[in-house]
Amino acid sequence: MHGLPQGDLPFTIIFEQEREKISGVLSFFFGGAAFRSSTIVRDQVLGLHLNTPLANFTLNGNYNSGRISGDWSADDGSKGTWESKKIVQTASIQ
């Protein structure tokens, strides 16, 4: 995440998709938040909504070649940009 007063903030985001609904978790080194009221707004465009004790966030992003990037804003007036890249991890149970 870019544009925060304290500088860039790395995060991990885990997505789960069921048709047009997106859910998942956004985590930082100090904690995280689940998002549930998120959707694919239109072809390849994502809208995430997170309610946290610090602020309520909206992240909009475009998917392109295994990457999602876009802008974010918070109800306290903060805003900036964000970017992520797709990392697929598989697990096996034996």
N, C-alpha and C. Protein backbone atom coordinates (compact mmCIF):
# COMPACT_ATOMS: atom_id res chain seq x y z
N MET A 1 0.85 -1.17 0.00
CA MET A 1 0.00 0.00 0.00
C MET A 1 0.89 1.23 0.00
N HIS A 2 0.55 2.17 -0.85
CA HIS A 2 1.31 3.41 -0.95
C HIS A 2 0.41 4.58 -0.55
N GLY A 3 0.99 5.63 -0.01
CA GLY A 3 0.26 6.84 0.30
C GLY A 3 -0.08 7.03 1.77
N LEU A 4 0.41 6.15 2.62
CA LEU A 4 0.17 6.28 4.05
C LEU A 4 1.14 7.30 4.66
N PRO A 5 0.75 7.99 5.71
CA PRO A 5 1.64 8.98 6.32
C PRO A 5 2.98 8.38 6.76
N GLN A 6 2.97 7.12 7.20
CA GLN A 6 4.21 6.48 7.67
C GLN A 6 4.97 5.78 6.54
N GLY A 7 4.53 5.94 5.31
CA GLY A 7 5.23 5.35 4.16
C GLY A 7 4.50 4.12 3.64
N ASP A 8 5.16 3.39 2.75
CA ASP A 8 4.57 2.19 2.17
C ASP A 8 4.38 1.12 3.24
N LEU A 9 3.33 0.33 3.07
CA LEU A 9 3.00 -0.71 4.04
C LEU A 9 2.78 -2.02 3.30
N PRO A 10 3.67 -3.01 3.49
CA PRO A 10 3.47 -4.31 2.84
C PRO A 10 2.30 -5.05 3.49
N PHE A 11 1.61 -5.85 2.70
CA PHE A 11 0.49 -6.62 3.21
C PHE A 11 0.36 -7.92 2.43
N THR A 12 -0.42 -8.82 2.97
CA THR A 12 -0.77 -10.06 2.30
C THR A 12 -2.29 -10.07 2.15
N ILE A 13 -2.74 -10.48 0.99
CA ILE A 13 -4.18 -10.54 0.76
C ILE A 13 -4.52 -11.92 0.20
N ILE A 14 -5.53 -12.53 0.77
CA ILE A 14 -5.98 -13.85 0.35
C ILE A 14 -7.40 -13.70 -0.17
N PHE A 15 -7.63 -14.13 -1.41
CA PHE A 15 -8.94 -14.03 -2.04
C PHE A 15 -9.60 -15.39 -2.13
N GLU A 16 -10.91 -15.39 -2.00
CA GLU A 16 -11.72 -16.55 -2.32
C GLU A 16 -12.89 -16.05 -3.15
N GLN A 17 -13.10 -16.67 -4.31
CA GLN A 17 -14.14 -16.20 -5.21
C GLN A 17 -15.21 -17.27 -5.38
N GLU A 18 -16.46 -16.85 -5.31
CA GLU A 18 -17.60 -17.69 -5.63
C GLU A 18 -18.50 -16.88 -6.54
N ARG A 19 -18.40 -17.13 -7.85
CA ARG A 19 -19.10 -16.35 -8.88
C ARG A 19 -18.71 -14.89 -8.79
N GLU A 20 -19.65 -13.99 -8.52
CA GLU A 20 -19.36 -12.57 -8.46
C GLU A 20 -18.97 -12.09 -7.07
N LYS A 21 -19.02 -12.93 -6.08
CA LYS A 21 -18.70 -12.53 -4.70
C LYS A 21 -17.25 -12.87 -4.38
N ILE A 22 -16.60 -11.94 -3.75
CA ILE A 22 -15.21 -12.09 -3.34
C ILE A 22 -15.17 -11.97 -1.82
N SER A 23 -14.47 -12.88 -1.17
CA SER A 23 -14.23 -12.74 0.27
C SER A 23 -12.76 -13.03 0.50
N GLY A 24 -12.30 -12.74 1.71
CA GLY A 24 -10.91 -13.00 2.00
C GLY A 24 -10.41 -12.21 3.19
N VAL A 25 -9.09 -12.14 3.29
CA VAL A 25 -8.44 -11.50 4.42
C VAL A 25 -7.30 -10.62 3.91
N LEU A 26 -7.20 -9.44 4.47
CA LEU A 26 -6.08 -8.54 4.22
C LEU A 26 -5.31 -8.48 5.53
N SER A 27 -4.02 -8.85 5.50
CA SER A 27 -3.26 -8.86 6.76
C SER A 27 -1.98 -8.03 6.63
N PHE A 28 -1.70 -7.34 7.73
CA PHE A 28 -0.49 -6.54 7.88
C PHE A 28 0.33 -7.17 9.01
N PHE A 29 1.54 -6.70 9.24
CA PHE A 29 2.36 -7.27 10.29
C PHE A 29 1.74 -7.08 11.67
N PHE A 30 0.84 -6.12 11.85
CA PHE A 30 0.25 -5.82 13.15
C PHE A 30 -1.18 -6.32 13.30
N GLY A 31 -1.74 -6.96 12.29
CA GLY A 31 -3.11 -7.45 12.36
C GLY A 31 -3.72 -7.53 10.98
N GLY A 32 -5.05 -7.66 10.93
CA GLY A 32 -5.69 -7.76 9.64
C GLY A 32 -7.19 -7.58 9.74
N ALA A 33 -7.84 -7.75 8.61
CA ALA A 33 -9.29 -7.59 8.56
C ALA A 33 -9.84 -8.48 7.45
N ALA A 34 -11.00 -9.04 7.69
CA ALA A 34 -11.69 -9.83 6.67
C ALA A 34 -12.54 -8.90 5.82
N PHE A 35 -12.71 -9.26 4.58
CA PHE A 35 -13.64 -8.51 3.73
C PHE A 35 -14.66 -9.49 3.16
N ARG A 36 -15.91 -9.06 3.19
CA ARG A 36 -16.98 -9.90 2.72
C ARG A 36 -17.89 -9.18 1.72
N SER A 37 -18.07 -7.90 1.87
CA SER A 37 -18.97 -7.17 0.99
C SER A 37 -18.21 -6.65 -0.23
N SER A 38 -17.56 -7.57 -0.92
CA SER A 38 -16.73 -7.21 -2.05
C SER A 38 -17.25 -7.89 -3.30
N THR A 39 -17.05 -7.27 -4.43
CA THR A 39 -17.58 -7.81 -5.67
C THR A 39 -16.64 -7.55 -6.82
N ILE A 40 -16.88 -8.28 -7.90
CA ILE A 40 -16.26 -7.94 -9.16
C ILE A 40 -17.20 -6.92 -9.78
N VAL A 41 -16.76 -5.68 -9.85
CA VAL A 41 -17.61 -4.59 -10.30
C VAL A 41 -17.97 -4.77 -11.77
N ARG A 42 -17.03 -5.05 -12.58
CA ARG A 42 -17.24 -5.38 -13.99
C ARG A 42 -16.02 -6.18 -14.43
N ASP A 43 -15.96 -6.55 -15.65
CA ASP A 43 -14.90 -7.41 -16.16
C ASP A 43 -13.52 -6.96 -15.68
N GLN A 44 -12.88 -7.79 -14.88
CA GLN A 44 -11.52 -7.57 -14.38
C GLN A 44 -11.37 -6.43 -13.38
N VAL A 45 -12.48 -5.84 -12.87
CA VAL A 45 -12.41 -4.75 -11.90
C VAL A 45 -12.98 -5.23 -10.58
N LEU A 46 -12.24 -5.01 -9.51
CA LEU A 46 -12.56 -5.53 -8.19
C LEU A 46 -12.84 -4.38 -7.23
N GLY A 47 -13.82 -4.54 -6.35
CA GLY A 47 -14.10 -3.58 -5.30
C GLY A 47 -14.11 -4.26 -3.95
N LEU A 48 -13.20 -3.91 -3.05
CA LEU A 48 -13.10 -4.51 -1.72
C LEU A 48 -13.50 -3.49 -0.66
N HIS A 49 -14.24 -3.95 0.34
CA HIS A 49 -14.68 -3.07 1.42
C HIS A 49 -14.31 -3.72 2.74
N LEU A 50 -13.54 -3.00 3.56
CA LEU A 50 -13.08 -3.50 4.85
C LEU A 50 -13.47 -2.53 5.94
N ASN A 51 -14.07 -3.04 6.99
CA ASN A 51 -14.38 -2.24 8.16
C ASN A 51 -13.43 -2.67 9.27
N THR A 52 -12.63 -1.73 9.74
CA THR A 52 -11.65 -2.02 10.78
C THR A 52 -11.82 -1.03 11.92
N PRO A 53 -11.23 -1.32 13.08
CA PRO A 53 -11.29 -0.36 14.18
C PRO A 53 -10.60 0.97 13.86
N LEU A 54 -9.63 0.96 12.95
CA LEU A 54 -8.91 2.18 12.58
C LEU A 54 -9.71 3.06 11.62
N ALA A 55 -10.35 2.43 10.63
CA ALA A 55 -11.12 3.16 9.61
C ALA A 55 -11.82 2.14 8.72
N ASN A 56 -12.74 2.62 7.93
CA ASN A 56 -13.37 1.78 6.91
C ASN A 56 -12.68 2.07 5.59
N PHE A 57 -12.24 1.02 4.91
CA PHE A 57 -11.44 1.15 3.70
C PHE A 57 -12.19 0.64 2.48
N THR A 58 -11.92 1.25 1.34
CA THR A 58 -12.38 0.77 0.04
C THR A 58 -11.15 0.64 -0.85
N LEU A 59 -10.96 -0.54 -1.41
CA LEU A 59 -9.86 -0.77 -2.34
C LEU A 59 -10.47 -1.14 -3.69
N ASN A 60 -10.13 -0.40 -4.71
CA ASN A 60 -10.55 -0.71 -6.08
C ASN A 60 -9.32 -1.16 -6.83
N GLY A 61 -9.49 -2.17 -7.68
CA GLY A 61 -8.34 -2.67 -8.41
C GLY A 61 -8.70 -3.26 -9.75
N ASN A 62 -7.73 -3.29 -10.63
CA ASN A 62 -7.86 -3.90 -11.95
C ASN A 62 -6.93 -5.11 -12.00
N TYR A 63 -7.45 -6.21 -12.52
CA TYR A 63 -6.67 -7.43 -12.67
C TYR A 63 -6.06 -7.46 -14.06
N ASN A 64 -4.75 -7.71 -14.12
CA ASN A 64 -4.07 -7.78 -15.40
C ASN A 64 -2.83 -8.64 -15.26
N SER A 65 -2.78 -9.74 -15.97
CA SER A 65 -1.60 -10.62 -16.03
C SER A 65 -1.09 -11.04 -14.66
N GLY A 66 -1.98 -11.53 -13.80
CA GLY A 66 -1.57 -12.03 -12.49
C GLY A 66 -1.29 -10.95 -11.47
N ARG A 67 -1.64 -9.72 -11.76
CA ARG A 67 -1.44 -8.60 -10.83
C ARG A 67 -2.75 -7.85 -10.65
N ILE A 68 -2.94 -7.32 -9.46
CA ILE A 68 -4.06 -6.43 -9.19
C ILE A 68 -3.46 -5.14 -8.65
N SER A 69 -3.89 -4.03 -9.21
CA SER A 69 -3.43 -2.74 -8.71
C SER A 69 -4.57 -1.74 -8.85
N GLY A 70 -4.50 -0.71 -8.03
CA GLY A 70 -5.55 0.30 -8.08
C GLY A 70 -5.37 1.34 -7.00
N ASP A 71 -6.51 1.89 -6.52
CA ASP A 71 -6.44 2.91 -5.50
C ASP A 71 -7.22 2.48 -4.27
N TRP A 72 -6.92 3.12 -3.16
CA TRP A 72 -7.64 2.86 -1.92
C TRP A 72 -8.01 4.19 -1.27
N SER A 73 -9.04 4.14 -0.46
CA SER A 73 -9.43 5.32 0.31
C SER A 73 -10.03 4.85 1.63
N ALA A 74 -9.99 5.73 2.62
CA ALA A 74 -10.54 5.43 3.94
C ALA A 74 -11.53 6.53 4.31
N ASP A 75 -12.44 6.20 5.23
CA ASP A 75 -13.44 7.18 5.62
C ASP A 75 -12.87 8.35 6.41
N ASP A 76 -11.59 8.28 6.78
CA ASP A 76 -10.96 9.41 7.47
C ASP A 76 -10.31 10.39 6.48
N GLY A 77 -10.48 10.14 5.16
CA GLY A 77 -9.94 11.02 4.13
C GLY A 77 -8.61 10.56 3.55
N SER A 78 -8.00 9.54 4.15
CA SER A 78 -6.73 9.02 3.62
C SER A 78 -6.99 8.34 2.28
N LYS A 79 -5.97 8.38 1.41
CA LYS A 79 -6.08 7.68 0.14
C LYS A 79 -4.70 7.43 -0.43
N GLY A 80 -4.64 6.51 -1.37
CA GLY A 80 -3.38 6.18 -1.99
C GLY A 80 -3.58 5.10 -3.05
N THR A 81 -2.52 4.38 -3.35
CA THR A 81 -2.56 3.31 -4.34
C THR A 81 -2.12 2.01 -3.70
N TRP A 82 -2.41 0.91 -4.37
CA TRP A 82 -1.97 -0.40 -3.89
C TRP A 82 -1.71 -1.29 -5.09
N GLU A 83 -0.92 -2.33 -4.86
CA GLU A 83 -0.60 -3.29 -5.91
C GLU A 83 -0.31 -4.63 -5.27
N SER A 84 -0.61 -5.68 -6.01
CA SER A 84 -0.33 -7.03 -5.53
C SER A 84 0.01 -7.92 -6.72
N LYS A 85 0.67 -9.02 -6.45
CA LYS A 85 0.93 -9.99 -7.51
C LYS A 85 0.44 -11.34 -7.04
N LYS A 86 0.02 -12.15 -7.97
CA LYS A 86 -0.56 -13.45 -7.68
C LYS A 86 0.53 -14.45 -7.34
N ILE A 87 0.35 -15.07 -6.20
CA ILE A 87 1.21 -16.17 -5.78
C ILE A 87 0.30 -17.33 -5.46
N VAL A 88 0.44 -18.40 -6.18
CA VAL A 88 -0.43 -19.56 -5.97
C VAL A 88 0.34 -20.57 -5.14
N GLN A 89 -0.25 -20.92 -4.01
CA GLN A 89 0.34 -21.95 -3.18
C GLN A 89 -0.64 -23.10 -3.10
N THR A 90 -0.15 -24.29 -3.24
CA THR A 90 -1.01 -25.45 -3.14
C THR A 90 -0.59 -26.27 -1.93
N ALA A 91 -1.56 -26.95 -1.39
CA ALA A 91 -1.28 -27.80 -0.23
C ALA A 91 -1.78 -29.21 -0.56
N SER A 92 -1.11 -30.17 -0.04
CA SER A 92 -1.57 -31.54 -0.20
C SER A 92 -1.70 -32.19 1.15
N ILE A 93 -2.71 -33.01 1.26
CA ILE A 93 -2.94 -33.76 2.50
C ILE A 93 -2.61 -35.22 2.21
N GLN A 94 -1.77 -35.76 3.05
CA GLN A 94 -1.37 -37.16 2.83
C GLN A 94 -1.78 -38.02 3.99
